[in-house]
Amino acid sequence: MSRTPGAMTRLLGGRSARLLVLTLGAVAFLFPFLHMLVGSLQKTTTGDLNDAIPTPGTLTTDSYANINDTISLGRSLLNSGVVTIGVLLSTLVFGVLAGYALARLQFRGRGTLFAALLLVQTIPFQLLMLPLYVLVVRDYGLGDSYLGMMLPFAVNSTAVFLFRQFFLQIPGEIFEAARIDGAGELAVLWRVAVPMASPALLTGCLLTFIGPWNEFLWPFLVTKDADMQPLAVSLAGFMSNLQGTVDNPTGALMAGACVLAVPAVALFLLFQHRFTHTNIDSGVKG
């Protein structure tokens, strides 16, 4: 059916308006990153909006060298990476196991346990920080250690909820067929459920990665040794105590923030096209 010129004009106008709104939203979202990146490359960074405009002849990487010499970016990145990978692995393992149990296993108190899981998500972490500090640092003696930084985040209730909801969407006939073939629950989980859960696994990886990678308060409480502090804590220490040791402290701080932001941005850009992908239907034969 052909459209009239007036309808075509309205259609093009609507598309142009949506494109304009999306473009403005993208610019507003990306501007802080541009400001941070360009400011980290300026010889003199003032911290105002003029730093977002690159000036030819004034761009340099001295701020990156200065922040590296002051807080040792390599060591801080290593600490952040070790803590983040440890939290990521434990979160995915416990999240998959607990999510599958809540979704597909029948046991007494399952509904109560799920309600408690939802309730836990409403409790701010700051309320639990003092008893956790006493337990982890004083009772377990895990201060200034990777395990002490990872332990409170080893089980993520949001990840458990995510995997539970995903496993509930998989047709139950698939699990029943595997059990009829003689597979135990762990075999069903490993061979049937986990291969289908790649979208949930990727989403869980991204959500879990961002939290411990950017975490500041808990590592700040449990680490006193500068060699054990992750990058977010090291940058806070630089801002509080070491700014006077470099010629361009604002630029050095922005350089450290850029280094901190790069892995999370790269992870999102690398896997964003797979978050909405699902292969559940591929396991169902008509």
C-alpha atoms as a PDB file:
ATOM      1  CA  MET A   1       0.000   0.000   0.000  1.00  0.00           C
ATOM      2  CA  SER A   2       1.544   3.314  -1.099  1.00  0.00           C
ATOM      3  CA  ARG A   3       1.828   6.187   1.310  1.00  0.00           C
ATOM      4  CA  THR A   4       0.717   9.718   0.546  1.00  0.00           C
ATOM      5  CA  PRO A   5       3.320  12.528   0.536  1.00  0.00           C
ATOM      6  CA  GLY A   6       1.883  13.841   3.790  1.00  0.00           C
ATOM      7  CA  ALA A   7       2.232  10.466   5.498  1.00  0.00           C
ATOM      8  CA  MET A   8       5.810  10.119   4.253  1.00  0.00           C
ATOM      9  CA  THR A   9       6.634  13.578   5.589  1.00  0.00           C
ATOM     10  CA  ARG A  10       5.190  12.728   9.014  1.00  0.00           C
ATOM     11  CA  LEU A  11       7.079   9.415   9.038  1.00  0.00           C
ATOM     12  CA  LEU A  12      10.394  11.066   8.187  1.00  0.00           C
ATOM     13  CA  GLY A  13       9.709  13.811  10.719  1.00  0.00           C
ATOM     14  CA  GLY A  14       9.054  11.256  13.454  1.00  0.00           C
ATOM     15  CA  ARG A  15      12.250   9.372  12.632  1.00  0.00           C
ATOM     16  CA  SER A  16      14.254  12.584  12.589  1.00  0.00           C
ATOM     17  CA  ALA A  17      12.852  13.605  15.970  1.00  0.00           C
ATOM     18  CA  ARG A  18      13.716  10.223  17.495  1.00  0.00           C
ATOM     19  CA  LEU A  19      17.196  10.358  15.999  1.00  0.00           C
ATOM     20  CA  LEU A  20      17.708  13.852  17.415  1.00  0.00           C
ATOM     21  CA  VAL A  21      16.567  12.789  20.894  1.00  0.00           C
ATOM     22  CA  LEU A  22      18.811   9.710  20.835  1.00  0.00           C
ATOM     23  CA  THR A  23      21.770  11.765  19.621  1.00  0.00           C
ATOM     24  CA  LEU A  24      21.313  14.325  22.387  1.00  0.00           C
ATOM     25  CA  GLY A  25      21.068  11.536  24.949  1.00  0.00           C
ATOM     26  CA  ALA A  26      24.258   9.918  23.625  1.00  0.00           C
ATOM     27  CA  VAL A  27      26.116  13.232  23.750  1.00  0.00           C
ATOM     28  CA  ALA A  28      24.956  13.884  27.323  1.00  0.00           C
ATOM     29  CA  PHE A  29      26.030  10.392  28.355  1.00  0.00           C
ATOM     30  CA  LEU A  30      29.423  10.471  26.624  1.00  0.00           C
ATOM     31  CA  PHE A  31      30.391  14.033  27.556  1.00  0.00           C
ATOM     32  CA  PRO A  32      31.763  13.147  31.050  1.00  0.00           C
ATOM     33  CA  PHE A  33      33.987  10.489  29.480  1.00  0.00           C
ATOM     34  CA  LEU A  34      35.218  12.941  26.854  1.00  0.00           C
ATOM     35  CA  HIS A  35      35.868  15.536  29.546  1.00  0.00           C
ATOM     36  CA  MET A  36      37.818  13.014  31.600  1.00  0.00           C
ATOM     37  CA  LEU A  37      39.872  11.730  28.657  1.00  0.00           C
ATOM     38  CA  VAL A  38      40.780  15.117  27.212  1.00  0.00           C
ATOM     39  CA  GLY A  39      41.467  16.545  30.674  1.00  0.00           C
ATOM     40  CA  SER A  40      43.892  13.710  31.386  1.00  0.00           C
ATOM     41  CA  LEU A  41      45.855  14.628  28.245  1.00  0.00           C
ATOM     42  CA  GLN A  42      46.154  18.375  28.905  1.00  0.00           C
ATOM     43  CA  LYS A  43      49.413  19.831  30.170  1.00  0.00           C
ATOM     44  CA  THR A  44      47.401  21.948  32.630  1.00  0.00           C
ATOM     45  CA  THR A  45      43.976  20.777  33.758  1.00  0.00           C
ATOM     46  CA  THR A  46      41.726  23.267  35.512  1.00  0.00           C
ATOM     47  CA  GLY A  47      38.708  20.997  36.058  1.00  0.00           C
ATOM     48  CA  ASP A  48      36.203  23.256  34.248  1.00  0.00           C
ATOM     49  CA  LEU A  49      34.330  22.594  30.997  1.00  0.00           C
ATOM     50  CA  ASN A  50      37.149  24.058  28.897  1.00  0.00           C
ATOM     51  CA  ASP A  51      39.130  20.886  29.573  1.00  0.00           C
ATOM     52  CA  ALA A  52      36.726  18.982  27.335  1.00  0.00           C
ATOM     53  CA  ILE A  53      37.991  20.881  24.273  1.00  0.00           C
ATOM     54  CA  PRO A  54      41.356  19.522  23.059  1.00  0.00           C
ATOM     55  CA  THR A  55      43.879  22.242  22.315  1.00  0.00           C
ATOM     56  CA  PRO A  56      46.536  21.404  19.699  1.00  0.00           C
ATOM     57  CA  GLY A  57      50.059  21.503  21.082  1.00  0.00           C
ATOM     58  CA  THR A  58      48.990  21.045  24.709  1.00  0.00           C
ATOM     59  CA  LEU A  59      48.218  17.323  24.689  1.00  0.00           C
ATOM     60  CA  THR A  60      50.605  15.051  26.552  1.00  0.00           C
ATOM     61  CA  THR A  61      50.663  11.741  28.424  1.00  0.00           C
ATOM     62  CA  ASP A  62      52.644  13.155  31.355  1.00  0.00           C
ATOM     63  CA  SER A  63      49.630  12.809  33.685  1.00  0.00           C
ATOM     64  CA  TYR A  64      49.579   9.040  33.135  1.00  0.00           C
ATOM     65  CA  ALA A  65      53.290   8.802  33.898  1.00  0.00           C
ATOM     66  CA  ASN A  66      52.859  10.964  37.010  1.00  0.00           C
ATOM     67  CA  ILE A  67      49.983   8.945  38.452  1.00  0.00           C
ATOM     68  CA  ASN A  68      51.854   5.729  37.711  1.00  0.00           C
ATOM     69  CA  ASP A  69      54.959   6.959  39.523  1.00  0.00           C
ATOM     70  CA  THR A  70      52.898   8.147  42.501  1.00  0.00           C
ATOM     71  CA  ILE A  71      50.586   5.212  43.215  1.00  0.00           C
ATOM     72  CA  SER A  72      51.958   2.422  40.948  1.00  0.00           C
ATOM     73  CA  LEU A  73      49.102   1.861  38.509  1.00  0.00           C
ATOM     74  CA  GLY A  74      50.302  -1.637  37.668  1.00  0.00           C
ATOM     75  CA  ARG A  75      50.140  -2.884  41.237  1.00  0.00           C
ATOM     76  CA  SER A  76      46.786  -1.189  41.870  1.00  0.00           C
ATOM     77  CA  LEU A  77      45.348  -2.666  38.664  1.00  0.00           C
ATOM     78  CA  LEU A  78      46.590  -6.110  39.674  1.00  0.00           C
ATOM     79  CA  ASN A  79      44.871  -5.814  43.051  1.00  0.00           C
ATOM     80  CA  SER A  80      41.632  -4.678  41.418  1.00  0.00           C
ATOM     81  CA  GLY A  81      41.832  -7.505  38.882  1.00  0.00           C
ATOM     82  CA  VAL A  82      42.468 -10.231  41.459  1.00  0.00           C
ATOM     83  CA  VAL A  83      39.593  -9.091  43.677  1.00  0.00           C
ATOM     84  CA  THR A  84      37.207  -8.630  40.747  1.00  0.00           C
ATOM     85  CA  ILE A  85      37.972 -12.006  39.154  1.00  0.00           C
ATOM     86  CA  GLY A  86      37.624 -13.773  42.512  1.00  0.00           C
ATOM     87  CA  VAL A  87      34.268 -12.113  43.196  1.00  0.00           C
ATOM     88  CA  LEU A  88      33.138 -12.790  39.622  1.00  0.00           C
ATOM     89  CA  LEU A  89      33.906 -16.512  39.771  1.00  0.00           C
ATOM     90  CA  SER A  90      32.339 -17.040  43.197  1.00  0.00           C
ATOM     91  CA  THR A  91      29.260 -15.016  42.253  1.00  0.00           C
ATOM     92  CA  LEU A  92      28.670 -17.005  39.070  1.00  0.00           C
ATOM     93  CA  VAL A  93      29.234 -20.380  40.739  1.00  0.00           C
ATOM     94  CA  PHE A  94      27.014 -19.720  43.755  1.00  0.00           C
ATOM     95  CA  GLY A  95      24.509 -17.776  41.659  1.00  0.00           C
ATOM     96  CA  VAL A  96      24.036 -20.608  39.154  1.00  0.00           C
ATOM     97  CA  LEU A  97      23.775 -23.274  41.876  1.00  0.00           C
ATOM     98  CA  ALA A  98      21.338 -21.303  44.032  1.00  0.00           C
ATOM     99  CA  GLY A  99      19.334 -19.993  41.073  1.00  0.00           C
ATOM    100  CA  TYR A 100      18.898 -23.483  39.642  1.00  0.00           C
ATOM    101  CA  ALA A 101      17.861 -24.878  43.026  1.00  0.00           C
ATOM    102  CA  LEU A 102      15.280 -22.136  43.564  1.00  0.00           C
ATOM    103  CA  ALA A 103      13.926 -22.522  40.032  1.00  0.00           C
ATOM    104  CA  ARG A 104      13.900 -26.268  39.406  1.00  0.00           C
ATOM    105  CA  LEU A 105      14.249 -28.226  42.650  1.00  0.00           C
ATOM    106  CA  GLN A 106      11.315 -28.958  44.923  1.00  0.00           C
ATOM    107  CA  PHE A 107      12.108 -28.680  48.633  1.00  0.00           C
ATOM    108  CA  ARG A 108      10.399 -27.440  51.772  1.00  0.00           C
ATOM    109  CA  GLY A 109      10.799 -23.727  52.414  1.00  0.00           C
ATOM    110  CA  ARG A 110      11.716 -22.792  48.860  1.00  0.00           C
ATOM    111  CA  GLY A 111       9.216 -19.934  48.742  1.00  0.00           C
ATOM    112  CA  THR A 112      10.336 -18.625  52.129  1.00  0.00           C
ATOM    113  CA  LEU A 113      13.954 -18.764  51.060  1.00  0.00           C
ATOM    114  CA  PHE A 114      13.188 -16.820  47.887  1.00  0.00           C
ATOM    115  CA  ALA A 115      11.266 -14.204  49.888  1.00  0.00           C
ATOM    116  CA  ALA A 116      14.266 -13.855  52.209  1.00  0.00           C
ATOM    117  CA  LEU A 117      16.470 -13.406  49.143  1.00  0.00           C
ATOM    118  CA  LEU A 118      14.303 -10.521  47.961  1.00  0.00           C
ATOM    119  CA  LEU A 119      14.359  -9.016  51.450  1.00  0.00           C
ATOM    120  CA  VAL A 120      18.167  -9.121  51.576  1.00  0.00           C
ATOM    121  CA  GLN A 121      18.334  -6.961  48.449  1.00  0.00           C
ATOM    122  CA  THR A 122      16.554  -4.142  50.318  1.00  0.00           C
ATOM    123  CA  ILE A 123      19.179  -3.984  53.100  1.00  0.00           C
ATOM    124  CA  PRO A 124      21.921  -1.404  52.376  1.00  0.00           C
ATOM    125  CA  PHE A 125      25.423  -2.820  52.542  1.00  0.00           C
ATOM    126  CA  GLN A 126      26.465   0.048  54.802  1.00  0.00           C
ATOM    127  CA  LEU A 127      24.250  -1.337  57.596  1.00  0.00           C
ATOM    128  CA  LEU A 128      26.184  -4.604  57.541  1.00  0.00           C
ATOM    129  CA  MET A 129      29.627  -3.077  57.197  1.00  0.00           C
ATOM    130  CA  LEU A 130      30.478  -2.765  60.907  1.00  0.00           C
ATOM    131  CA  PRO A 131      29.636  -6.392  61.879  1.00  0.00           C
ATOM    132  CA  LEU A 132      31.315  -7.607  58.684  1.00  0.00           C
ATOM    133  CA  TYR A 133      34.439  -5.633  59.539  1.00  0.00           C
ATOM    134  CA  VAL A 134      34.573  -7.146  63.031  1.00  0.00           C
ATOM    135  CA  LEU A 135      33.994 -10.635  61.647  1.00  0.00           C
ATOM    136  CA  VAL A 136      36.415 -10.480  58.706  1.00  0.00           C
ATOM    137  CA  VAL A 137      39.251  -8.400  60.169  1.00  0.00           C
ATOM    138  CA  ARG A 138      39.198  -9.149  63.906  1.00  0.00           C
ATOM    139  CA  ASP A 139      37.794 -12.688  64.070  1.00  0.00           C
ATOM    140  CA  TYR A 140      39.124 -14.131  60.791  1.00  0.00           C
ATOM    141  CA  GLY A 141      42.282 -11.996  60.584  1.00  0.00           C
ATOM    142  CA  LEU A 142      41.796 -11.268  56.885  1.00  0.00           C
ATOM    143  CA  GLY A 143      42.770  -7.598  56.882  1.00  0.00           C
ATOM    144  CA  ASP A 144      45.143  -6.567  54.069  1.00  0.00           C
ATOM    145  CA  SER A 145      44.290  -9.681  52.060  1.00  0.00           C
ATOM    146  CA  TYR A 146      42.508 -10.456  48.818  1.00  0.00           C
ATOM    147  CA  LEU A 147      40.176 -12.898  50.555  1.00  0.00           C
ATOM    148  CA  GLY A 148      39.153 -10.243  53.068  1.00  0.00           C
ATOM    149  CA  MET A 149      38.182  -7.892  50.239  1.00  0.00           C
ATOM    150  CA  MET A 150      36.286 -10.613  48.352  1.00  0.00           C
ATOM    151  CA  LEU A 151      34.452 -12.427  51.135  1.00  0.00           C
ATOM    152  CA  PRO A 152      31.457 -10.056  51.663  1.00  0.00           C
ATOM    153  CA  PHE A 153      30.703 -10.107  47.927  1.00  0.00           C
ATOM    154  CA  ALA A 154      31.187 -13.828  47.261  1.00  0.00           C
ATOM    155  CA  VAL A 155      27.411 -14.420  47.108  1.00  0.00           C
ATOM    156  CA  ASN A 156      25.353 -11.853  45.215  1.00  0.00           C
ATOM    157  CA  SER A 157      21.605 -11.994  45.798  1.00  0.00           C
ATOM    158  CA  THR A 158      20.963 -10.111  42.561  1.00  0.00           C
ATOM    159  CA  ALA A 159      22.846 -12.756  40.573  1.00  0.00           C
ATOM    160  CA  VAL A 160      20.881 -15.527  42.298  1.00  0.00           C
ATOM    161  CA  PHE A 161      17.634 -13.775  41.369  1.00  0.00           C
ATOM    162  CA  LEU A 162      18.837 -13.279  37.784  1.00  0.00           C
ATOM    163  CA  PHE A 163      19.683 -16.956  37.280  1.00  0.00           C
ATOM    164  CA  ARG A 164      16.503 -18.133  38.985  1.00  0.00           C
ATOM    165  CA  GLN A 165      14.354 -16.072  36.651  1.00  0.00           C
ATOM    166  CA  PHE A 166      16.284 -17.284  33.631  1.00  0.00           C
ATOM    167  CA  PHE A 167      16.049 -20.975  34.549  1.00  0.00           C
ATOM    168  CA  LEU A 168      12.310 -20.589  35.126  1.00  0.00           C
ATOM    169  CA  GLN A 169      11.936 -19.546  31.475  1.00  0.00           C
ATOM    170  CA  ILE A 170      13.459 -22.783  30.175  1.00  0.00           C
ATOM    171  CA  PRO A 171      10.737 -25.351  29.369  1.00  0.00           C
ATOM    172  CA  GLY A 172      10.559 -27.977  32.088  1.00  0.00           C
ATOM    173  CA  GLU A 173      10.293 -30.756  29.505  1.00  0.00           C
ATOM    174  CA  ILE A 174      13.975 -30.312  28.687  1.00  0.00           C
ATOM    175  CA  PHE A 175      15.004 -31.083  32.257  1.00  0.00           C
ATOM    176  CA  GLU A 176      12.574 -33.987  32.502  1.00  0.00           C
ATOM    177  CA  ALA A 177      13.952 -35.520  29.312  1.00  0.00           C
ATOM    178  CA  ALA A 178      17.488 -35.331  30.705  1.00  0.00           C
ATOM    179  CA  ARG A 179      16.391 -36.968  33.972  1.00  0.00           C
ATOM    180  CA  ILE A 180      14.610 -39.742  32.077  1.00  0.00           C
ATOM    181  CA  ASP A 181      17.880 -40.391  30.228  1.00  0.00           C
ATOM    182  CA  GLY A 182      19.497 -40.999  33.612  1.00  0.00           C
ATOM    183  CA  ALA A 183      21.238 -37.675  34.226  1.00  0.00           C
ATOM    184  CA  GLY A 184      21.614 -36.517  37.827  1.00  0.00           C
ATOM    185  CA  GLU A 185      20.844 -32.966  38.926  1.00  0.00           C
ATOM    186  CA  LEU A 186      24.441 -31.794  38.584  1.00  0.00           C
ATOM    187  CA  ALA A 187      24.624 -33.304  35.104  1.00  0.00           C
ATOM    188  CA  VAL A 188      21.340 -31.631  34.156  1.00  0.00           C
ATOM    189  CA  LEU A 189      22.656 -28.328  35.451  1.00  0.00           C
ATOM    190  CA  TRP A 190      26.047 -28.589  33.735  1.00  0.00           C
ATOM    191  CA  ARG A 191      24.985 -30.149  30.420  1.00  0.00           C
ATOM    192  CA  VAL A 192      21.530 -28.668  29.920  1.00  0.00           C
ATOM    193  CA  ALA A 193      20.931 -25.520  31.967  1.00  0.00           C
ATOM    194  CA  VAL A 194      24.335 -23.823  31.856  1.00  0.00           C
ATOM    195  CA  PRO A 195      24.803 -24.040  28.042  1.00  0.00           C
ATOM    196  CA  MET A 196      21.422 -22.340  27.596  1.00  0.00           C
ATOM    197  CA  ALA A 197      22.220 -19.648  30.163  1.00  0.00           C
ATOM    198  CA  SER A 198      24.896 -17.779  28.188  1.00  0.00           C
ATOM    199  CA  PRO A 199      22.863 -14.499  28.071  1.00  0.00           C
ATOM    200  CA  ALA A 200      22.340 -14.628  31.847  1.00  0.00           C
ATOM    201  CA  LEU A 201      26.000 -15.522  32.403  1.00  0.00           C
ATOM    202  CA  LEU A 202      27.151 -12.564  30.311  1.00  0.00           C
ATOM    203  CA  THR A 203      24.755 -10.197  32.040  1.00  0.00           C
ATOM    204  CA  GLY A 204      25.851 -11.518  35.426  1.00  0.00           C
ATOM    205  CA  CYS A 205      29.496 -11.052  34.446  1.00  0.00           C
ATOM    206  CA  LEU A 206      28.977  -7.414  33.515  1.00  0.00           C
ATOM    207  CA  LEU A 207      26.897  -6.553  36.575  1.00  0.00           C
ATOM    208  CA  THR A 208      29.267  -8.393  38.897  1.00  0.00           C
ATOM    209  CA  PHE A 209      32.372  -6.923  37.300  1.00  0.00           C
ATOM    210  CA  ILE A 210      31.309  -3.300  37.713  1.00  0.00           C
ATOM    211  CA  GLY A 211      30.598  -3.635  41.455  1.00  0.00           C
ATOM    212  CA  PRO A 212      33.917  -4.968  42.831  1.00  0.00           C
ATOM    213  CA  TRP A 213      35.967  -3.170  40.185  1.00  0.00           C
ATOM    214  CA  ASN A 214      34.678   0.209  41.333  1.00  0.00           C
ATOM    215  CA  GLU A 215      34.246  -0.717  45.022  1.00  0.00           C
ATOM    216  CA  PHE A 216      35.884   1.781  47.346  1.00  0.00           C
ATOM    217  CA  LEU A 217      34.482   1.761  50.883  1.00  0.00           C
ATOM    218  CA  TRP A 218      34.987  -1.893  51.881  1.00  0.00           C
ATOM    219  CA  PRO A 219      38.564  -2.218  50.493  1.00  0.00           C
ATOM    220  CA  PHE A 220      39.361   1.130  52.113  1.00  0.00           C
ATOM    221  CA  LEU A 221      38.277  -0.254  55.501  1.00  0.00           C
ATOM    222  CA  VAL A 222      40.107  -3.582  55.353  1.00  0.00           C
ATOM    223  CA  THR A 223      43.390  -2.503  53.688  1.00  0.00           C
ATOM    224  CA  LYS A 224      46.039  -0.369  55.343  1.00  0.00           C
ATOM    225  CA  ASP A 225      48.961  -1.554  53.228  1.00  0.00           C
ATOM    226  CA  ALA A 226      49.217   0.580  50.061  1.00  0.00           C
ATOM    227  CA  ASP A 227      50.537  -2.416  48.099  1.00  0.00           C
ATOM    228  CA  MET A 228      47.247  -4.255  48.688  1.00  0.00           C
ATOM    229  CA  GLN A 229      44.864  -1.448  47.801  1.00  0.00           C
ATOM    230  CA  PRO A 230      42.844  -1.611  44.553  1.00  0.00           C
ATOM    231  CA  LEU A 231      42.898   1.261  42.103  1.00  0.00           C
ATOM    232  CA  ALA A 232      39.785   3.053  43.416  1.00  0.00           C
ATOM    233  CA  VAL A 233      41.288   3.233  46.917  1.00  0.00           C
ATOM    234  CA  SER A 234      44.704   4.264  45.591  1.00  0.00           C
ATOM    235  CA  LEU A 235      43.134   7.128  43.625  1.00  0.00           C
ATOM    236  CA  ALA A 236      41.311   8.315  46.755  1.00  0.00           C
ATOM    237  CA  GLY A 237      44.597   8.229  48.671  1.00  0.00           C
ATOM    238  CA  PHE A 238      46.262  10.231  45.927  1.00  0.00           C
ATOM    239  CA  MET A 239      43.495  12.829  46.000  1.00  0.00           C
ATOM    240  CA  SER A 240      43.734  13.164  49.786  1.00  0.00           C
ATOM    241  CA  ASN A 241      47.466  13.023  50.443  1.00  0.00           C
ATOM    242  CA  LEU A 242      49.606  13.057  47.299  1.00  0.00           C
ATOM    243  CA  GLN A 243      48.220  15.735  44.998  1.00  0.00           C
ATOM    244  CA  GLY A 244      51.030  18.116  45.839  1.00  0.00           C
ATOM    245  CA  THR A 245      53.652  15.693  44.525  1.00  0.00           C
ATOM    246  CA  VAL A 246      52.747  16.221  40.834  1.00  0.00           C
ATOM    247  CA  ASP A 247      52.599  19.330  38.643  1.00  0.00           C
ATOM    248  CA  ASN A 248      49.092  18.657  37.299  1.00  0.00           C
ATOM    249  CA  PRO A 249      47.143  16.876  40.072  1.00  0.00           C
ATOM    250  CA  THR A 250      43.722  17.196  38.392  1.00  0.00           C
ATOM    251  CA  GLY A 251      45.061  15.770  35.161  1.00  0.00           C
ATOM    252  CA  ALA A 252      46.753  12.917  37.018  1.00  0.00           C
ATOM    253  CA  LEU A 253      43.520  12.118  38.849  1.00  0.00           C
ATOM    254  CA  MET A 254      41.599  12.095  35.557  1.00  0.00           C
ATOM    255  CA  ALA A 255      44.263   9.835  34.056  1.00  0.00           C
ATOM    256  CA  GLY A 256      43.773   7.348  36.879  1.00  0.00           C
ATOM    257  CA  ALA A 257      39.993   7.557  36.448  1.00  0.00           C
ATOM    258  CA  CYS A 258      40.397   6.787  32.736  1.00  0.00           C
ATOM    259  CA  VAL A 259      42.441   3.704  33.534  1.00  0.00           C
ATOM    260  CA  LEU A 260      39.798   2.630  36.049  1.00  0.00           C
ATOM    261  CA  ALA A 261      36.964   3.102  33.525  1.00  0.00           C
ATOM    262  CA  VAL A 262      38.562   1.410  30.504  1.00  0.00           C
ATOM    263  CA  PRO A 263      38.022  -2.280  31.484  1.00  0.00           C
ATOM    264  CA  ALA A 264      34.333  -1.824  32.314  1.00  0.00           C
ATOM    265  CA  VAL A 265      33.656   0.131  29.107  1.00  0.00           C
ATOM    266  CA  ALA A 266      35.598  -2.386  27.011  1.00  0.00           C
ATOM    267  CA  LEU A 267      33.696  -5.310  28.552  1.00  0.00           C
ATOM    268  CA  PHE A 268      30.361  -3.696  27.802  1.00  0.00           C
ATOM    269  CA  LEU A 269      31.271  -2.811  24.206  1.00  0.00           C
ATOM    270  CA  LEU A 270      32.609  -6.305  23.604  1.00  0.00           C
ATOM    271  CA  PHE A 271      29.531  -8.202  24.785  1.00  0.00           C
ATOM    272  CA  GLN A 272      26.611  -5.789  24.418  1.00  0.00           C
ATOM    273  CA  HIS A 273      25.311  -7.467  21.252  1.00  0.00           C
ATOM    274  CA  ARG A 274      24.997 -10.804  23.055  1.00  0.00           C
ATOM    275  CA  PHE A 275      22.960  -9.699  26.062  1.00  0.00           C
ATOM    276  CA  THR A 276      19.640 -10.102  24.244  1.00  0.00           C
ATOM    277  CA  HIS A 277      20.671 -13.303  22.479  1.00  0.00           C
ATOM    278  CA  THR A 278      19.090 -16.516  23.655  1.00  0.00           C
ATOM    279  CA  ASN A 279      19.277 -20.064  22.451  1.00  0.00           C
ATOM    280  CA  ILE A 280      16.472 -21.496  24.557  1.00  0.00           C
ATOM    281  CA  ASP A 281      14.364 -22.164  21.473  1.00  0.00           C
ATOM    282  CA  SER A 282      17.195 -24.154  19.931  1.00  0.00           C
ATOM    283  CA  GLY A 283      16.717 -26.805  22.635  1.00  0.00           C
ATOM    284  CA  VAL A 284      13.027 -27.237  21.889  1.00  0.00           C
ATOM    285  CA  LYS A 285      12.069 -29.445  18.978  1.00  0.00           C
ATOM    286  CA  GLY A 286       8.554 -29.371  17.719  1.00  0.00           C
END
